Amino acid sequence: MQFSLANVVKEQIEKASRYTNIPPYIMKILKCPMRVLRVTFPVEMDNKEVVCFTGFRCQYNNALGPTKGGVRYHPDVNEDEVIGLAALMTWKCALLDLPYGGAKGGVICDPTKLSEKELEKITRRYTAEIMPILGPHKDIPAPDVYTTAKTMAWMMDTYSMFIGHPEPAIVTGKPEVLGGSKGRKQATGRGVAISIRELYKKLGKDLKDSTVAIQGFGNVGSHTALFLEQMGARIVAISDSTCGFIDFNGLPISEIMNECTEKQKCLIEYKKLKPCAKEEILTLDVDILVPAALENQIHINNVNAIKAKVISEGANGPITTEADEVLGKRGVYVIPDILANAGGVVVSHLEWVQALSGLYWDEEEVNYHMEKRLVTAFEKVWNKAMELNISLRTAAYVVAIERIAEVYKFRGLFP
């Protein structure tokens, strides 16, 4: 059966609803996306051939405020995935007590086979096509898989050209020179590391010399590795779409980042270590596993081979529902995506506030506010999990949907 992220999210909502007193009509609302836009647009490629691309933008729910979410470029982008990711953003924003609803977007393409000029054309045309539902108080995009600060700069410029004046608050994750926030690039990885640190505190464990494997060594995975290393953990394995590296004495994370992620190179191009098959990384005997690649990476066919005792979801939806159940029965602590990787959207909110106000903060202040909000959210989730004797994932969903439900009780239904 084909994997459906939207169905996985719906199942999690139904599971969490058993531990709440939320009215049935609100649960019906939370299971359905508010708006899904599909667009198809032509782009003239470098060789003068005209190619039609398909893109999506889902605004899942806006009860808490304007919708917020990334835009990804990938061959496997589809409507179901975008809806599921937008739903996850909805719960993530609610959990972190942000004034946002959830959204997600994407274009079906393979960025590794496109020139920068072609990517710019795709970005500008996609932005123009979805512009009727965009706006700093309507829907604010951000980077995601295979999109960058430069992608956001193109989106901002396109939107600004249409409205006749610069509008830095239309996107987040953009370059600092255009109003981007300090600390945004590192924020998601920093948040994943903080969530692991907080769990270890609750378990009475020390991160020093704990072993860590990270699947997906892009922006999120690499910064997670860097911050965990600074906290005393030992990063023994990493992988990307091309290969993996394993060294139980510890990998040279800073050097690999400088050689690969900072120069947008694949790990296979790093020649100082012997590569291994990327599939090996997930099943290593380590203390902590961070799946930071794509969804559906840990599933019923490989979950029994997982040996880590703690998993922190750097990616969105990397564990299927069936696999999650198996891990829970084995006593594996899973820090769910809507908590673990929420550092990015927290700093995106800070960037948005700075852009709207025209006041900008240094990195130390940004990191302080981000960490404070993440730690507060972790505490709420942990306490809820202990109170109801449920998993951290279910507890996170309970906290999130209770907040949205409370808003509906005051706002009511229109008309």
Protein backbone atom coordinates (compact mmCIF):
# COMPACT_ATOMS: atom_id res chain seq x y z
CA MET A 1 0.00 0.00 0.00
CA GLN A 2 1.32 3.44 -0.91
CA PHE A 3 2.53 5.52 2.02
CA SER A 4 0.31 8.52 2.82
CA LEU A 5 1.73 11.19 5.12
CA ALA A 6 -1.67 12.88 5.27
CA ASN A 7 -3.22 9.66 6.57
CA VAL A 8 -0.43 9.20 9.12
CA VAL A 9 -1.08 12.68 10.51
CA LYS A 10 -4.82 12.00 10.60
CA GLU A 11 -4.20 8.78 12.54
CA GLN A 12 -2.07 10.65 15.06
CA ILE A 13 -4.83 13.22 15.55
CA GLU A 14 -7.41 10.49 16.11
CA LYS A 15 -5.11 8.81 18.63
CA ALA A 16 -4.51 12.05 20.52
CA SER A 17 -8.23 12.88 20.56
CA ARG A 18 -8.85 9.92 22.91
CA TYR A 19 -7.02 11.85 25.63
CA THR A 20 -8.94 15.13 25.21
CA ASN A 21 -12.46 16.46 25.66
CA ILE A 22 -12.46 18.35 22.37
CA PRO A 23 -15.92 18.66 20.75
CA PRO A 24 -16.39 16.35 17.74
CA TYR A 25 -17.04 19.25 15.36
CA ILE A 26 -13.57 20.66 16.08
CA MET A 27 -11.97 17.29 15.42
CA LYS A 28 -13.75 17.20 12.05
CA ILE A 29 -12.24 20.59 11.18
CA LEU A 30 -8.74 19.54 12.25
CA LYS A 31 -8.77 16.47 10.02
CA CYS A 32 -9.37 18.48 6.83
CA PRO A 33 -7.10 20.96 4.99
CA MET A 34 -8.59 24.43 4.66
CA ARG A 35 -7.21 25.10 1.18
CA VAL A 36 -5.07 23.25 -1.39
CA LEU A 37 -3.86 25.01 -4.54
CA ARG A 38 -2.40 23.11 -7.49
CA VAL A 39 -0.67 25.06 -10.27
CA THR A 40 0.97 24.13 -13.56
CA PHE A 41 3.23 26.62 -15.32
CA PRO A 42 5.63 26.70 -18.30
CA VAL A 43 9.32 27.54 -17.99
CA GLU A 44 11.81 28.05 -20.82
CA MET A 45 14.91 26.01 -19.95
CA ASP A 46 18.52 26.85 -20.78
CA ASN A 47 18.33 24.77 -23.96
CA LYS A 48 15.23 26.79 -25.05
CA GLU A 49 12.89 23.83 -24.47
CA VAL A 50 9.65 24.76 -22.69
CA VAL A 51 8.82 22.46 -19.77
CA CYS A 52 5.63 22.50 -17.70
CA PHE A 53 6.10 22.15 -13.94
CA THR A 54 3.48 21.34 -11.32
CA GLY A 55 3.46 22.93 -7.89
CA PHE A 56 1.28 22.90 -4.78
CA ARG A 57 0.50 25.09 -1.78
CA CYS A 58 -1.60 23.83 1.09
CA GLN A 59 -2.90 26.13 3.82
CA TYR A 60 -4.08 23.58 6.35
CA ASN A 61 -5.56 25.74 9.11
CA ASN A 62 -5.44 29.43 10.03
CA ALA A 63 -7.31 29.49 13.36
CA LEU A 64 -4.21 30.79 15.17
CA GLY A 65 -3.07 33.26 12.51
CA PRO A 66 -1.54 33.45 9.02
CA THR A 67 -0.29 30.15 7.70
CA LYS A 68 3.42 29.37 7.72
CA GLY A 69 5.48 26.66 6.09
CA GLY A 70 8.30 25.71 3.78
CA VAL A 71 8.55 25.16 0.04
CA ARG A 72 10.40 22.07 -1.20
CA TYR A 73 11.73 21.15 -4.64
CA HIS A 74 11.89 17.39 -5.16
CA PRO A 75 10.88 14.80 -7.77
CA ASP A 76 8.59 13.07 -5.25
CA VAL A 77 6.55 16.14 -4.25
CA ASN A 78 2.83 15.35 -4.41
CA GLU A 79 -0.44 16.69 -3.08
CA ASP A 80 -0.79 14.15 -0.28
CA GLU A 81 2.71 14.89 1.01
CA VAL A 82 2.11 18.65 0.95
CA ILE A 83 -1.18 18.27 2.86
CA GLY A 84 0.48 16.05 5.48
CA LEU A 85 3.40 18.44 5.93
CA ALA A 86 1.05 21.42 6.21
CA ALA A 87 -0.87 19.57 8.92
CA LEU A 88 2.37 18.92 10.81
CA MET A 89 3.19 22.63 10.59
CA THR A 90 -0.23 23.41 12.06
CA TRP A 91 0.42 21.26 15.14
CA LYS A 92 4.01 22.48 15.39
CA CYS A 93 3.02 26.15 15.49
CA ALA A 94 0.27 25.42 18.02
CA LEU A 95 2.62 23.39 20.21
CA LEU A 96 5.20 26.17 20.26
CA ASP A 97 2.51 28.75 21.03
CA LEU A 98 3.16 30.71 17.82
CA PRO A 99 0.50 32.93 16.18
CA TYR A 100 0.52 30.87 13.00
CA GLY A 101 -1.43 28.21 11.21
CA GLY A 102 0.31 25.58 9.10
CA ALA A 103 1.13 25.54 5.39
CA LYS A 104 3.45 23.75 2.99
CA GLY A 105 4.35 24.02 -0.66
CA GLY A 106 6.39 22.28 -3.29
CA VAL A 107 7.30 21.94 -6.94
CA ILE A 108 7.83 18.62 -8.69
CA CYS A 109 11.37 18.87 -10.10
CA ASP A 110 14.90 17.58 -9.61
CA PRO A 111 17.04 20.54 -8.47
CA THR A 112 20.24 18.52 -8.87
CA LYS A 113 19.68 18.53 -12.63
CA LEU A 114 18.75 22.21 -12.99
CA SER A 115 20.92 25.27 -13.44
CA GLU A 116 20.66 28.22 -11.06
CA LYS A 117 18.95 30.25 -13.77
CA GLU A 118 16.37 27.50 -14.31
CA LEU A 119 15.74 27.29 -10.56
CA GLU A 120 15.25 31.04 -10.44
CA LYS A 121 12.72 30.93 -13.29
CA ILE A 122 10.81 28.08 -11.62
CA THR A 123 10.79 29.94 -8.30
CA ARG A 124 9.59 33.22 -9.75
CA ARG A 125 6.85 31.62 -11.83
CA TYR A 126 5.71 29.41 -8.95
CA THR A 127 5.55 32.47 -6.70
CA ALA A 128 3.49 34.36 -9.27
CA GLU A 129 1.07 31.45 -9.61
CA ILE A 130 0.40 31.10 -5.88
CA MET A 131 0.59 34.83 -5.15
CA PRO A 132 -3.20 35.28 -4.74
CA ILE A 133 -3.01 33.32 -1.48
CA LEU A 134 0.35 34.74 -0.26
CA GLY A 135 0.93 37.72 2.00
CA PRO A 136 2.72 38.67 5.25
CA HIS A 137 -0.63 38.34 7.06
CA LYS A 138 -1.98 35.49 4.90
CA ASP A 139 0.73 32.89 4.17
CA ILE A 140 4.50 33.13 4.67
CA PRO A 141 6.79 30.59 2.87
CA ALA A 142 10.22 29.44 4.07
CA PRO A 143 13.02 27.12 2.84
CA ASP A 144 12.64 23.35 2.93
CA VAL A 145 14.16 20.40 1.03
CA TYR A 146 16.42 21.67 -1.80
CA THR A 147 15.40 25.30 -1.29
CA THR A 148 17.65 27.91 0.27
CA ALA A 149 17.94 31.52 1.41
CA LYS A 150 18.50 32.45 -2.22
CA THR A 151 15.22 30.77 -3.18
CA MET A 152 13.47 32.92 -0.58
CA ALA A 153 15.18 36.02 -1.97
CA TRP A 154 13.73 35.26 -5.41
CA MET A 155 10.28 34.73 -3.90
CA MET A 156 10.49 37.97 -1.95
CA ASP A 157 11.66 39.92 -5.00
CA THR A 158 8.91 38.48 -7.22
CA TYR A 159 6.20 39.31 -4.68
CA SER A 160 7.67 42.80 -4.16
CA MET A 161 7.71 43.52 -7.90
CA PHE A 162 4.01 42.70 -8.15
CA ILE A 163 2.92 44.87 -5.21
CA GLY A 164 5.24 47.77 -6.08
CA HIS A 165 7.37 47.95 -2.93
CA PRO A 166 9.81 45.75 -0.97
CA GLU A 167 8.07 43.34 1.42
CA PRO A 168 10.64 41.46 3.55
CA ALA A 169 7.91 39.90 5.75
CA ILE A 170 6.52 37.80 2.87
CA VAL A 171 9.10 35.01 3.44
CA THR A 172 11.44 33.86 6.19
CA GLY A 173 14.79 32.13 5.90
CA LYS A 174 16.01 34.78 3.48
CA PRO A 175 19.54 36.30 3.46
CA GLU A 176 20.34 38.66 6.33
CA VAL A 177 20.98 41.53 3.92
CA LEU A 178 17.31 41.31 2.89
CA GLY A 179 16.03 41.24 6.46
CA GLY A 180 16.72 37.63 7.34
CA SER A 181 17.28 36.83 11.00
CA LYS A 182 20.62 35.95 12.50
CA GLY A 183 20.66 32.34 13.62
CA ARG A 184 17.95 31.18 11.19
CA LYS A 185 20.19 28.83 9.20
CA GLN A 186 21.30 26.95 12.31
CA ALA A 187 17.94 27.13 14.12
CA THR A 188 16.36 23.79 13.20
CA GLY A 189 19.50 21.78 13.95
CA ARG A 190 20.04 23.70 17.17
CA GLY A 191 16.47 22.88 18.19
CA VAL A 192 16.92 19.15 17.51
CA ALA A 193 20.01 19.17 19.73
CA ILE A 194 18.23 21.11 22.49
CA SER A 195 15.33 18.64 22.49
CA ILE A 196 17.76 15.74 22.95
CA ARG A 197 19.54 17.60 25.74
CA GLU A 198 16.23 18.23 27.53
CA LEU A 199 15.22 14.57 27.23
CA TYR A 200 18.55 13.45 28.65
CA LYS A 201 18.02 15.80 31.60
CA LYS A 202 14.62 14.20 32.28
CA LEU A 203 16.16 10.73 32.08
CA GLY A 204 19.02 11.72 34.39
CA LYS A 205 21.60 10.95 31.73
CA ASP A 206 24.73 12.78 30.58
CA LEU A 207 25.19 13.54 26.89
CA LYS A 208 28.96 13.33 27.26
CA ASP A 209 30.31 10.53 25.05
CA SER A 210 26.84 9.34 24.03
CA THR A 211 27.00 8.02 20.47
CA VAL A 212 24.93 9.62 17.72
CA ALA A 213 24.03 8.60 14.15
CA ILE A 214 22.50 11.16 11.81
CA GLN A 215 20.67 10.24 8.62
CA GLY A 216 20.59 13.26 6.31
CA PHE A 217 23.59 15.60 6.48
CA GLY A 218 21.97 18.67 4.97
CA ASN A 219 21.38 21.93 6.80
CA VAL A 220 19.37 20.33 9.64
CA GLY A 221 21.46 17.20 10.10
CA SER A 222 24.83 18.92 9.93
CA HIS A 223 23.93 21.60 12.48
CA THR A 224 22.36 19.01 14.76
CA ALA A 225 25.67 17.15 14.65
CA LEU A 226 27.64 20.32 15.35
CA PHE A 227 25.56 21.36 18.38
CA LEU A 228 25.39 17.85 19.84
CA GLU A 229 29.17 17.62 19.50
CA GLN A 230 29.48 20.92 21.39
CA MET A 231 27.27 19.43 24.11
CA GLY A 232 29.71 16.54 24.52
CA ALA A 233 28.10 13.85 22.37
CA ARG A 234 30.15 11.80 19.92
CA ILE A 235 28.93 11.83 16.30
CA VAL A 236 29.88 8.40 14.98
CA ALA A 237 27.85 8.15 11.76
CA ILE A 238 26.33 10.44 9.13
CA SER A 239 24.79 9.94 5.71
CA ASP A 240 23.20 11.74 2.80
CA SER A 241 21.61 10.58 -0.46
CA THR A 242 24.98 9.40 -1.82
CA CYS A 243 26.73 7.50 1.00
CA GLY A 244 27.51 7.32 4.69
CA PHE A 245 30.54 7.59 6.97
CA ILE A 246 31.08 5.62 10.20
CA ASP A 247 33.78 6.11 12.83
CA PHE A 248 33.03 5.14 16.44
CA ASN A 249 35.93 7.32 17.59
CA GLY A 250 34.01 10.33 16.32
CA LEU A 251 33.76 12.05 12.94
CA PRO A 252 35.38 15.44 12.11
CA ILE A 253 32.04 17.24 11.85
CA SER A 254 33.30 20.81 11.41
CA GLU A 255 35.70 19.76 8.67
CA ILE A 256 33.04 17.76 6.80
CA MET A 257 30.61 20.68 7.07
CA ASN A 258 33.20 23.06 5.64
CA GLU A 259 33.98 20.70 2.78
CA CYS A 260 30.44 19.58 1.98
CA THR A 261 27.40 21.38 3.35
CA GLU A 262 28.88 24.87 3.16
CA LYS A 263 29.90 24.27 -0.46
CA GLN A 264 26.71 22.32 -1.28
CA LYS A 265 28.63 19.15 -2.09
CA CYS A 266 27.53 15.56 -1.47
CA LEU A 267 29.31 13.42 1.13
CA ILE A 268 30.62 11.12 -1.60
CA GLU A 269 32.86 14.02 -2.66
CA TYR A 270 34.61 14.02 0.74
CA LYS A 271 37.63 11.80 0.06
CA LYS A 272 39.27 11.62 3.49
CA LEU A 273 36.95 8.87 4.78
CA LYS A 274 35.93 5.51 3.38
CA PRO A 275 32.22 5.64 2.43
CA CYS A 276 29.68 3.01 3.39
CA ALA A 277 26.14 2.29 2.20
CA LYS A 278 23.79 5.02 3.42
CA GLU A 279 21.29 2.38 4.62
CA GLU A 280 23.71 1.22 7.33
CA ILE A 281 23.35 4.42 9.34
CA LEU A 282 19.80 3.81 10.60
CA THR A 283 20.55 0.41 12.15
CA LEU A 284 23.82 1.11 13.97
CA ASP A 285 24.13 0.32 17.68
CA VAL A 286 24.15 3.91 18.94
CA ASP A 287 22.53 5.78 21.83
CA ILE A 288 20.81 8.44 19.70
CA LEU A 289 19.48 8.35 16.15
CA VAL A 290 18.48 11.50 14.26
CA PRO A 291 16.55 10.85 11.02
CA ALA A 292 16.95 14.22 9.29
CA ALA A 293 16.29 13.33 5.65
CA LEU A 294 12.78 12.68 4.31
CA GLU A 295 9.55 11.11 5.58
CA ASN A 296 8.87 7.35 5.83
CA GLN A 297 12.48 6.35 6.55
CA ILE A 298 11.77 4.07 9.52
CA HIS A 299 8.97 1.67 8.63
CA ILE A 300 7.62 -1.75 9.46
CA ASN A 301 10.24 -3.48 7.30
CA ASN A 302 13.29 -2.02 9.07
CA VAL A 303 12.05 -0.96 12.53
CA ASN A 304 13.15 -4.20 14.22
CA ALA A 305 16.72 -3.47 13.17
CA ILE A 306 16.74 -0.06 14.90
CA LYS A 307 18.99 -0.23 17.98
CA ALA A 308 19.02 3.38 19.24
CA LYS A 309 17.27 4.07 22.55
CA VAL A 310 16.49 7.71 21.68
CA ILE A 311 15.26 9.03 18.33
CA SER A 312 14.84 12.73 17.61
CA GLU A 313 13.02 13.51 14.38
CA GLY A 314 15.02 16.12 12.49
CA ALA A 315 12.89 15.46 9.39
CA ASN A 316 9.11 15.68 9.18
CA GLY A 317 7.31 12.33 9.36
CA PRO A 318 10.37 10.04 9.19
CA ILE A 319 8.65 7.24 11.16
CA THR A 320 5.48 5.51 9.98
CA THR A 321 2.60 4.86 12.39
CA GLU A 322 3.24 1.11 12.52
CA ALA A 323 6.94 1.58 13.20
CA ASP A 324 6.19 4.18 15.86
CA GLU A 325 4.00 1.65 17.69
CA VAL A 326 6.79 -0.94 17.62
CA LEU A 327 9.35 1.54 18.97
CA GLY A 328 6.99 2.59 21.74
CA LYS A 329 6.47 -1.01 22.89
CA ARG A 330 10.24 -1.46 23.00
CA GLY A 331 10.65 1.57 25.26
CA VAL A 332 12.41 3.75 22.69
CA TYR A 333 12.00 7.46 23.39
CA VAL A 334 10.93 9.26 20.22
CA ILE A 335 10.99 13.07 20.28
CA PRO A 336 8.38 13.88 17.62
CA ASP A 337 9.03 16.14 14.65
CA ILE A 338 6.54 18.81 15.74
CA LEU A 339 8.71 19.35 18.83
CA ALA A 340 12.21 18.24 17.84
CA ASN A 341 12.60 20.28 14.64
CA ALA A 342 10.52 23.29 15.68
CA GLY A 343 13.53 25.57 16.18
CA GLY A 344 13.31 26.69 12.56
CA VAL A 345 9.74 27.96 12.73
CA VAL A 346 10.41 29.67 16.07
CA VAL A 347 13.22 31.71 14.54
CA SER A 348 11.10 32.22 11.41
CA HIS A 349 8.53 33.86 13.66
CA LEU A 350 11.24 36.06 15.16
CA GLU A 351 12.39 36.96 11.63
CA TRP A 352 8.82 37.84 10.62
CA VAL A 353 8.40 40.06 13.69
CA GLN A 354 11.69 41.81 12.93
CA ALA A 355 10.69 42.38 9.31
CA LEU A 356 7.31 43.84 10.28
CA SER A 357 8.80 46.12 12.92
CA GLY A 358 12.05 47.07 11.20
CA LEU A 359 13.95 46.27 14.40
CA TYR A 360 16.67 43.62 14.26
CA TRP A 361 18.26 41.57 17.05
CA ASP A 362 21.70 40.02 17.45
CA GLU A 363 22.17 36.26 17.28
CA GLU A 364 22.51 35.85 21.03
CA GLU A 365 19.07 37.36 21.63
CA VAL A 366 17.49 35.28 18.85
CA ASN A 367 18.98 32.06 20.25
CA TYR A 368 17.84 32.96 23.76
CA HIS A 369 14.21 33.43 22.71
CA MET A 370 14.26 30.29 20.56
CA GLU A 371 15.71 28.09 23.30
CA LYS A 372 13.33 29.47 25.92
CA ARG A 373 10.29 28.66 23.79
CA LEU A 374 11.56 25.17 22.91
CA VAL A 375 12.35 24.29 26.51
CA THR A 376 8.92 25.51 27.61
CA ALA A 377 7.24 23.37 24.93
CA PHE A 378 9.32 20.32 25.86
CA GLU A 379 8.30 20.73 29.50
CA LYS A 380 4.60 20.86 28.54
CA VAL A 381 4.92 17.74 26.41
CA TRP A 382 6.89 15.81 29.02
CA ASN A 383 4.42 16.69 31.78
CA LYS A 384 1.45 15.73 29.60
CA ALA A 385 3.10 12.41 28.70
CA MET A 386 3.75 11.64 32.38
CA GLU A 387 0.24 12.73 33.43
CA LEU A 388 -1.56 10.57 30.85
CA ASN A 389 1.06 7.78 30.55
CA ILE A 390 1.33 8.28 26.80
CA SER A 391 4.19 8.70 24.31
CA LEU A 392 5.90 12.02 23.73
CA ARG A 393 4.36 12.11 20.24
CA THR A 394 0.80 11.66 21.43
CA ALA A 395 1.41 14.15 24.24
CA ALA A 396 2.69 16.73 21.75
CA TYR A 397 -0.42 16.30 19.61
CA VAL A 398 -2.68 16.59 22.66
CA VAL A 399 -1.05 19.88 23.72
CA ALA A 400 -1.23 21.25 20.15
CA ILE A 401 -4.82 20.37 19.32
CA GLU A 402 -6.07 21.52 22.73
CA ARG A 403 -4.65 24.95 22.00
CA ILE A 404 -6.33 25.16 18.58
CA ALA A 405 -9.60 23.85 20.04
CA GLU A 406 -9.55 26.57 22.68
CA VAL A 407 -9.27 29.20 19.94
CA TYR A 408 -12.27 27.74 18.10
CA LYS A 409 -14.32 27.89 21.30
CA PHE A 410 -13.82 31.66 21.39
CA ARG A 411 -13.89 32.39 17.65
CA GLY A 412 -16.82 30.15 16.87
CA LEU A 413 -17.74 29.19 13.31
CA PHE A 414 -18.37 31.55 10.39
CA PRO A 415 -21.05 32.34 9.39
